[in-house]
Amino acid sequence: MNDKKPFPIPVVPAALADPATDAALEGCSSGESFALMVLGDSMEPEFVEGDIIVIEPEGLATNGSYVMAWLDDEWIFRQLVQAGANGGWKLQPLNPNYPSANIPDLSVIKGVIIQKSKPGRRKAAKFYV
């Protein structure tokens, strides 16, 4: 038997503005999980267009985590990868047709993906934490 009880998670519009001033996030506390729909194919094959991802803003981002980041004035969904022995980091798409992005530090990370599901298929949820 599954002991996990469903709880409401706000769905945030896809076209978000600056996370510090975004009116769409007004109903969320800074540490409250929220859900987004995956758009595009940059994270295929693990995440396909239409998947719903749940983001934990206060989640611990580690090497290999799937993250939401605020980079170059836009949101980006990528895998966080340690780049070299010097302690640098990059945001890596899973689809090799897209470029990775080096990041100066982890301050651009605004949340960690903790769950993925298909619309209308709650039992098919996959957890990442």
N, C-alpha and C. Protein backbone atom coordinates (compact mmCIF):
# COMPACT_ATOMS: atom_id res chain seq x y z
N MET A 1 0.83 -1.18 0.00
CA MET A 1 0.00 0.00 0.00
C MET A 1 0.88 1.24 0.00
N ASN A 2 0.48 2.24 -0.76
CA ASN A 2 1.23 3.48 -0.86
C ASN A 2 0.80 4.44 0.24
N ASP A 3 1.74 4.85 1.10
CA ASP A 3 1.44 5.76 2.20
C ASP A 3 1.50 7.22 1.80
N LYS A 4 1.94 7.50 0.59
CA LYS A 4 2.06 8.89 0.15
C LYS A 4 0.69 9.44 -0.20
N LYS A 5 0.35 10.55 0.41
CA LYS A 5 -0.93 11.19 0.15
C LYS A 5 -0.72 12.33 -0.83
N PRO A 6 -1.63 12.49 -1.80
CA PRO A 6 -1.49 13.60 -2.74
C PRO A 6 -1.69 14.94 -2.02
N PHE A 7 -0.99 15.94 -2.49
CA PHE A 7 -1.16 17.28 -1.96
C PHE A 7 -1.08 18.26 -3.12
N PRO A 8 -1.77 19.39 -3.02
CA PRO A 8 -1.79 20.33 -4.14
C PRO A 8 -0.45 21.01 -4.34
N ILE A 9 -0.05 21.13 -5.59
CA ILE A 9 1.17 21.83 -5.97
C ILE A 9 0.79 22.87 -7.00
N PRO A 10 1.13 24.14 -6.78
CA PRO A 10 0.78 25.16 -7.77
C PRO A 10 1.48 24.91 -9.10
N VAL A 11 0.75 25.10 -10.19
CA VAL A 11 1.34 25.01 -11.53
C VAL A 11 1.64 26.43 -11.97
N VAL A 12 2.88 26.66 -12.34
CA VAL A 12 3.35 27.99 -12.69
C VAL A 12 3.36 28.13 -14.21
N PRO A 13 2.93 29.28 -14.77
CA PRO A 13 2.96 29.47 -16.22
C PRO A 13 4.35 29.25 -16.80
N ALA A 14 4.40 28.78 -18.05
CA ALA A 14 5.68 28.43 -18.68
C ALA A 14 6.57 29.65 -18.89
N ALA A 15 6.00 30.77 -19.26
CA ALA A 15 6.81 31.96 -19.56
C ALA A 15 7.02 32.76 -18.28
N LEU A 16 7.97 32.33 -17.48
CA LEU A 16 8.24 33.00 -16.22
C LEU A 16 9.20 34.16 -16.42
N ALA A 17 9.07 35.15 -15.58
CA ALA A 17 10.00 36.28 -15.61
C ALA A 17 11.09 36.05 -14.58
N ASP A 18 11.77 37.11 -14.21
CA ASP A 18 12.82 37.04 -13.20
C ASP A 18 12.28 36.41 -11.92
N PRO A 19 12.93 35.38 -11.38
CA PRO A 19 12.41 34.70 -10.20
C PRO A 19 12.30 35.60 -8.98
N ALA A 20 13.04 36.69 -8.94
CA ALA A 20 12.98 37.59 -7.80
C ALA A 20 11.74 38.47 -7.83
N THR A 21 11.16 38.68 -9.02
CA THR A 21 10.03 39.61 -9.14
C THR A 21 8.82 39.00 -9.81
N ASP A 22 8.82 37.73 -10.09
CA ASP A 22 7.77 37.10 -10.89
C ASP A 22 6.43 37.08 -10.16
N ALA A 23 5.43 37.73 -10.74
CA ALA A 23 4.10 37.76 -10.16
C ALA A 23 3.44 36.39 -10.18
N ALA A 24 3.82 35.51 -11.12
CA ALA A 24 3.23 34.17 -11.19
C ALA A 24 3.56 33.35 -9.96
N LEU A 25 4.65 33.67 -9.29
CA LEU A 25 5.05 32.93 -8.10
C LEU A 25 4.53 33.56 -6.82
N GLU A 26 3.69 34.60 -6.93
CA GLU A 26 3.19 35.31 -5.76
C GLU A 26 2.48 34.39 -4.77
N GLY A 27 1.75 33.40 -5.25
CA GLY A 27 1.00 32.51 -4.36
C GLY A 27 1.86 31.46 -3.70
N CYS A 28 3.13 31.38 -4.06
CA CYS A 28 4.04 30.37 -3.51
C CYS A 28 4.98 31.00 -2.50
N SER A 29 5.22 30.28 -1.42
CA SER A 29 6.28 30.75 -0.53
C SER A 29 7.60 30.39 -1.19
N SER A 30 8.68 30.98 -0.76
CA SER A 30 9.96 30.77 -1.43
C SER A 30 10.43 29.32 -1.37
N GLY A 31 9.98 28.56 -0.40
CA GLY A 31 10.41 27.18 -0.28
C GLY A 31 9.37 26.17 -0.72
N GLU A 32 8.27 26.63 -1.33
CA GLU A 32 7.18 25.75 -1.71
C GLU A 32 7.42 25.11 -3.08
N SER A 33 7.22 23.79 -3.16
CA SER A 33 7.36 23.08 -4.44
C SER A 33 6.35 23.60 -5.45
N PHE A 34 6.72 23.54 -6.72
CA PHE A 34 5.80 23.92 -7.79
C PHE A 34 6.05 23.01 -8.98
N ALA A 35 5.09 22.98 -9.90
CA ALA A 35 5.16 22.09 -11.06
C ALA A 35 5.22 22.88 -12.35
N LEU A 36 5.93 22.33 -13.32
CA LEU A 36 6.02 22.90 -14.66
C LEU A 36 5.84 21.80 -15.69
N MET A 37 5.39 22.16 -16.88
CA MET A 37 5.31 21.21 -17.98
C MET A 37 6.56 21.37 -18.83
N VAL A 38 7.16 20.24 -19.20
CA VAL A 38 8.35 20.26 -20.04
C VAL A 38 7.97 20.69 -21.45
N LEU A 39 8.71 21.64 -21.98
CA LEU A 39 8.53 22.10 -23.36
C LEU A 39 9.83 21.84 -24.11
N GLY A 40 9.73 21.38 -25.33
CA GLY A 40 10.92 21.14 -26.14
C GLY A 40 11.53 19.77 -25.91
N ASP A 41 12.66 19.53 -26.59
CA ASP A 41 13.28 18.20 -26.56
C ASP A 41 14.71 18.21 -26.02
N SER A 42 15.12 19.28 -25.36
CA SER A 42 16.51 19.37 -24.90
C SER A 42 16.86 18.36 -23.81
N MET A 43 15.86 17.81 -23.12
CA MET A 43 16.14 16.86 -22.04
C MET A 43 15.67 15.45 -22.36
N GLU A 44 15.42 15.18 -23.66
CA GLU A 44 15.09 13.81 -24.07
C GLU A 44 16.35 12.97 -24.03
N PRO A 45 16.26 11.71 -23.73
CA PRO A 45 15.07 10.87 -23.68
C PRO A 45 14.43 10.78 -22.29
N GLU A 46 15.07 11.26 -21.23
CA GLU A 46 14.52 11.12 -19.88
C GLU A 46 13.25 11.93 -19.69
N PHE A 47 13.21 13.15 -20.23
CA PHE A 47 12.07 14.04 -20.08
C PHE A 47 11.59 14.42 -21.48
N VAL A 48 10.33 14.12 -21.79
CA VAL A 48 9.79 14.45 -23.10
C VAL A 48 8.77 15.57 -22.97
N GLU A 49 8.53 16.25 -24.08
CA GLU A 49 7.57 17.35 -24.07
C GLU A 49 6.23 16.87 -23.52
N GLY A 50 5.67 17.65 -22.61
CA GLY A 50 4.40 17.31 -21.99
C GLY A 50 4.54 16.68 -20.61
N ASP A 51 5.72 16.17 -20.27
CA ASP A 51 5.93 15.64 -18.92
C ASP A 51 5.73 16.77 -17.91
N ILE A 52 5.25 16.41 -16.72
CA ILE A 52 5.11 17.36 -15.63
C ILE A 52 6.26 17.11 -14.66
N ILE A 53 7.00 18.17 -14.34
CA ILE A 53 8.09 18.03 -13.38
C ILE A 53 7.76 18.85 -12.13
N VAL A 54 8.14 18.32 -10.98
CA VAL A 54 7.94 19.01 -9.71
C VAL A 54 9.31 19.51 -9.25
N ILE A 55 9.36 20.79 -8.93
CA ILE A 55 10.60 21.44 -8.55
C ILE A 55 10.57 21.79 -7.07
N GLU A 56 11.63 21.44 -6.37
CA GLU A 56 11.80 21.78 -4.96
C GLU A 56 12.81 22.93 -4.89
N PRO A 57 12.34 24.16 -4.60
CA PRO A 57 13.25 25.31 -4.60
C PRO A 57 14.39 25.20 -3.58
N GLU A 58 14.17 24.52 -2.50
CA GLU A 58 15.21 24.41 -1.47
C GLU A 58 15.91 23.06 -1.50
N GLY A 59 15.75 22.33 -2.61
CA GLY A 59 16.40 21.03 -2.73
C GLY A 59 17.90 21.16 -2.87
N LEU A 60 18.61 20.15 -2.44
CA LEU A 60 20.07 20.14 -2.51
C LEU A 60 20.51 19.72 -3.91
N ALA A 61 21.17 20.61 -4.62
CA ALA A 61 21.67 20.32 -5.96
C ALA A 61 23.05 19.68 -5.85
N THR A 62 23.18 18.48 -6.41
CA THR A 62 24.46 17.77 -6.40
C THR A 62 24.80 17.36 -7.82
N ASN A 63 26.01 16.87 -8.01
CA ASN A 63 26.44 16.41 -9.32
C ASN A 63 25.45 15.37 -9.85
N GLY A 64 24.88 15.62 -11.03
CA GLY A 64 23.92 14.71 -11.63
C GLY A 64 22.47 15.07 -11.40
N SER A 65 22.19 16.04 -10.52
CA SER A 65 20.82 16.47 -10.26
C SER A 65 20.22 17.14 -11.50
N TYR A 66 18.92 16.97 -11.68
CA TYR A 66 18.19 17.73 -12.69
C TYR A 66 17.72 19.00 -12.01
N VAL A 67 17.98 20.15 -12.63
CA VAL A 67 17.74 21.43 -11.98
C VAL A 67 17.04 22.43 -12.90
N MET A 68 16.41 23.42 -12.26
CA MET A 68 15.94 24.62 -12.94
C MET A 68 16.90 25.72 -12.55
N ALA A 69 17.38 26.47 -13.54
CA ALA A 69 18.33 27.54 -13.28
C ALA A 69 17.87 28.82 -13.97
N TRP A 70 18.29 29.95 -13.42
CA TRP A 70 18.04 31.26 -14.01
C TRP A 70 19.36 31.72 -14.61
N LEU A 71 19.46 31.66 -15.94
CA LEU A 71 20.71 31.94 -16.63
C LEU A 71 20.45 32.82 -17.84
N ASP A 72 21.20 33.89 -17.97
CA ASP A 72 21.06 34.83 -19.10
C ASP A 72 19.62 35.31 -19.26
N ASP A 73 19.01 35.68 -18.15
CA ASP A 73 17.65 36.24 -18.12
C ASP A 73 16.58 35.29 -18.62
N GLU A 74 16.79 33.99 -18.44
CA GLU A 74 15.74 33.03 -18.77
C GLU A 74 15.90 31.77 -17.93
N TRP A 75 14.79 31.03 -17.80
CA TRP A 75 14.80 29.75 -17.10
C TRP A 75 15.39 28.69 -18.01
N ILE A 76 16.15 27.77 -17.42
CA ILE A 76 16.73 26.67 -18.19
C ILE A 76 16.63 25.40 -17.34
N PHE A 77 16.23 24.31 -17.97
CA PHE A 77 16.08 23.00 -17.32
C PHE A 77 17.19 22.11 -17.85
N ARG A 78 18.11 21.70 -16.98
CA ARG A 78 19.26 20.91 -17.39
C ARG A 78 19.72 19.99 -16.26
N GLN A 79 20.71 19.17 -16.59
CA GLN A 79 21.36 18.34 -15.58
C GLN A 79 22.62 19.07 -15.10
N LEU A 80 22.79 19.14 -13.79
CA LEU A 80 23.96 19.78 -13.21
C LEU A 80 25.12 18.79 -13.21
N VAL A 81 26.23 19.19 -13.81
CA VAL A 81 27.39 18.30 -13.93
C VAL A 81 28.64 19.05 -13.47
N GLN A 82 29.44 18.39 -12.64
CA GLN A 82 30.70 18.99 -12.22
C GLN A 82 31.66 18.97 -13.40
N ALA A 83 32.29 20.11 -13.67
CA ALA A 83 33.15 20.25 -14.85
C ALA A 83 34.60 20.36 -14.43
N GLY A 84 35.28 19.25 -14.39
CA GLY A 84 36.71 19.26 -14.10
C GLY A 84 37.05 19.28 -12.62
N ALA A 85 38.32 19.18 -12.35
CA ALA A 85 38.83 19.10 -10.98
C ALA A 85 38.85 20.45 -10.28
N ASN A 86 38.68 21.54 -11.03
CA ASN A 86 38.76 22.88 -10.43
C ASN A 86 37.48 23.28 -9.71
N GLY A 87 36.49 22.40 -9.67
CA GLY A 87 35.25 22.69 -8.95
C GLY A 87 34.22 23.45 -9.75
N GLY A 88 34.45 23.64 -11.06
CA GLY A 88 33.48 24.33 -11.89
C GLY A 88 32.25 23.46 -12.15
N TRP A 89 31.20 24.10 -12.64
CA TRP A 89 29.94 23.40 -12.93
C TRP A 89 29.45 23.76 -14.32
N LYS A 90 28.63 22.88 -14.89
CA LYS A 90 27.96 23.20 -16.15
C LYS A 90 26.55 22.63 -16.11
N LEU A 91 25.70 23.23 -16.93
CA LEU A 91 24.33 22.76 -17.11
C LEU A 91 24.29 22.01 -18.43
N GLN A 92 24.05 20.72 -18.35
CA GLN A 92 24.17 19.82 -19.49
C GLN A 92 22.79 19.33 -19.95
N PRO A 93 22.43 19.55 -21.22
CA PRO A 93 21.20 18.94 -21.73
C PRO A 93 21.43 17.45 -21.96
N LEU A 94 20.38 16.66 -21.93
CA LEU A 94 20.52 15.23 -22.21
C LEU A 94 20.56 14.98 -23.71
N ASN A 95 19.93 15.84 -24.48
CA ASN A 95 19.92 15.74 -25.93
C ASN A 95 21.23 16.35 -26.46
N PRO A 96 22.06 15.56 -27.16
CA PRO A 96 23.36 16.07 -27.62
C PRO A 96 23.26 17.16 -28.68
N ASN A 97 22.08 17.44 -29.20
CA ASN A 97 21.91 18.49 -30.20
C ASN A 97 21.88 19.89 -29.58
N TYR A 98 21.96 19.97 -28.25
CA TYR A 98 21.92 21.26 -27.56
C TYR A 98 23.25 21.48 -26.84
N PRO A 99 23.67 22.75 -26.72
CA PRO A 99 24.95 23.03 -26.05
C PRO A 99 24.80 23.02 -24.53
N SER A 100 25.90 22.72 -23.86
CA SER A 100 25.92 22.86 -22.41
C SER A 100 26.30 24.30 -22.08
N ALA A 101 26.07 24.69 -20.83
CA ALA A 101 26.39 26.06 -20.41
C ALA A 101 27.22 26.00 -19.13
N ASN A 102 28.38 26.62 -19.17
CA ASN A 102 29.19 26.74 -17.95
C ASN A 102 28.54 27.78 -17.05
N ILE A 103 28.55 27.52 -15.75
CA ILE A 103 27.97 28.47 -14.80
C ILE A 103 29.05 28.89 -13.80
N PRO A 104 28.99 30.14 -13.36
CA PRO A 104 30.02 30.65 -12.46
C PRO A 104 30.00 30.00 -11.08
N ASP A 105 28.79 29.71 -10.60
CA ASP A 105 28.63 29.08 -9.30
C ASP A 105 27.20 28.54 -9.20
N LEU A 106 26.87 27.96 -8.08
CA LEU A 106 25.55 27.33 -7.94
C LEU A 106 24.43 28.31 -7.61
N SER A 107 24.74 29.61 -7.54
CA SER A 107 23.70 30.59 -7.22
C SER A 107 22.64 30.69 -8.31
N VAL A 108 22.94 30.24 -9.53
CA VAL A 108 21.95 30.29 -10.62
C VAL A 108 20.91 29.17 -10.49
N ILE A 109 21.19 28.17 -9.65
CA ILE A 109 20.25 27.06 -9.46
C ILE A 109 19.11 27.54 -8.59
N LYS A 110 17.88 27.42 -9.09
CA LYS A 110 16.70 27.90 -8.37
C LYS A 110 15.80 26.77 -7.90
N GLY A 111 16.14 25.53 -8.24
CA GLY A 111 15.35 24.41 -7.76
C GLY A 111 15.85 23.10 -8.33
N VAL A 112 15.51 22.02 -7.64
CA VAL A 112 15.91 20.67 -8.03
C VAL A 112 14.65 19.89 -8.39
N ILE A 113 14.70 19.18 -9.51
CA ILE A 113 13.56 18.36 -9.93
C ILE A 113 13.50 17.15 -9.01
N ILE A 114 12.34 16.95 -8.38
CA ILE A 114 12.18 15.84 -7.45
C ILE A 114 11.23 14.77 -7.97
N GLN A 115 10.45 15.10 -9.00
CA GLN A 115 9.47 14.14 -9.51
C GLN A 115 9.12 14.46 -10.96
N LYS A 116 8.80 13.41 -11.71
CA LYS A 116 8.32 13.55 -13.08
C LYS A 116 7.09 12.67 -13.23
N SER A 117 6.09 13.16 -13.96
CA SER A 117 4.93 12.32 -14.25
C SER A 117 4.35 12.72 -15.60
N LYS A 118 3.55 11.84 -16.13
CA LYS A 118 2.83 12.10 -17.38
C LYS A 118 1.46 12.65 -17.01
N PRO A 119 0.97 13.63 -17.74
CA PRO A 119 -0.37 14.15 -17.44
C PRO A 119 -1.41 13.04 -17.43
N GLY A 120 -2.20 13.00 -16.36
CA GLY A 120 -3.26 12.00 -16.25
C GLY A 120 -2.81 10.62 -15.83
N ARG A 121 -1.53 10.45 -15.50
CA ARG A 121 -1.01 9.12 -15.13
C ARG A 121 -0.21 9.22 -13.83
N ARG A 122 -0.90 9.44 -12.72
CA ARG A 122 -0.22 9.62 -11.44
C ARG A 122 0.59 8.40 -11.03
N LYS A 123 0.12 7.22 -11.38
CA LYS A 123 0.82 6.00 -10.96
C LYS A 123 2.14 5.82 -11.70
N ALA A 124 2.34 6.57 -12.78
CA ALA A 124 3.57 6.46 -13.56
C ALA A 124 4.62 7.47 -13.11
N ALA A 125 4.45 8.04 -11.93
CA ALA A 125 5.39 9.05 -11.44
C ALA A 125 6.76 8.43 -11.16
N LYS A 126 7.80 9.21 -11.44
CA LYS A 126 9.17 8.80 -11.15
C LYS A 126 9.77 9.84 -10.21
N PHE A 127 10.41 9.37 -9.15
CA PHE A 127 10.98 10.27 -8.15
C PHE A 127 12.49 10.34 -8.31
N TYR A 128 13.06 11.52 -8.09
CA TYR A 128 14.50 11.74 -8.26
C TYR A 128 15.22 12.05 -6.96
N VAL A 129 14.52 11.98 -5.85
CA VAL A 129 15.15 12.23 -4.54
C VAL A 129 14.87 11.06 -3.64
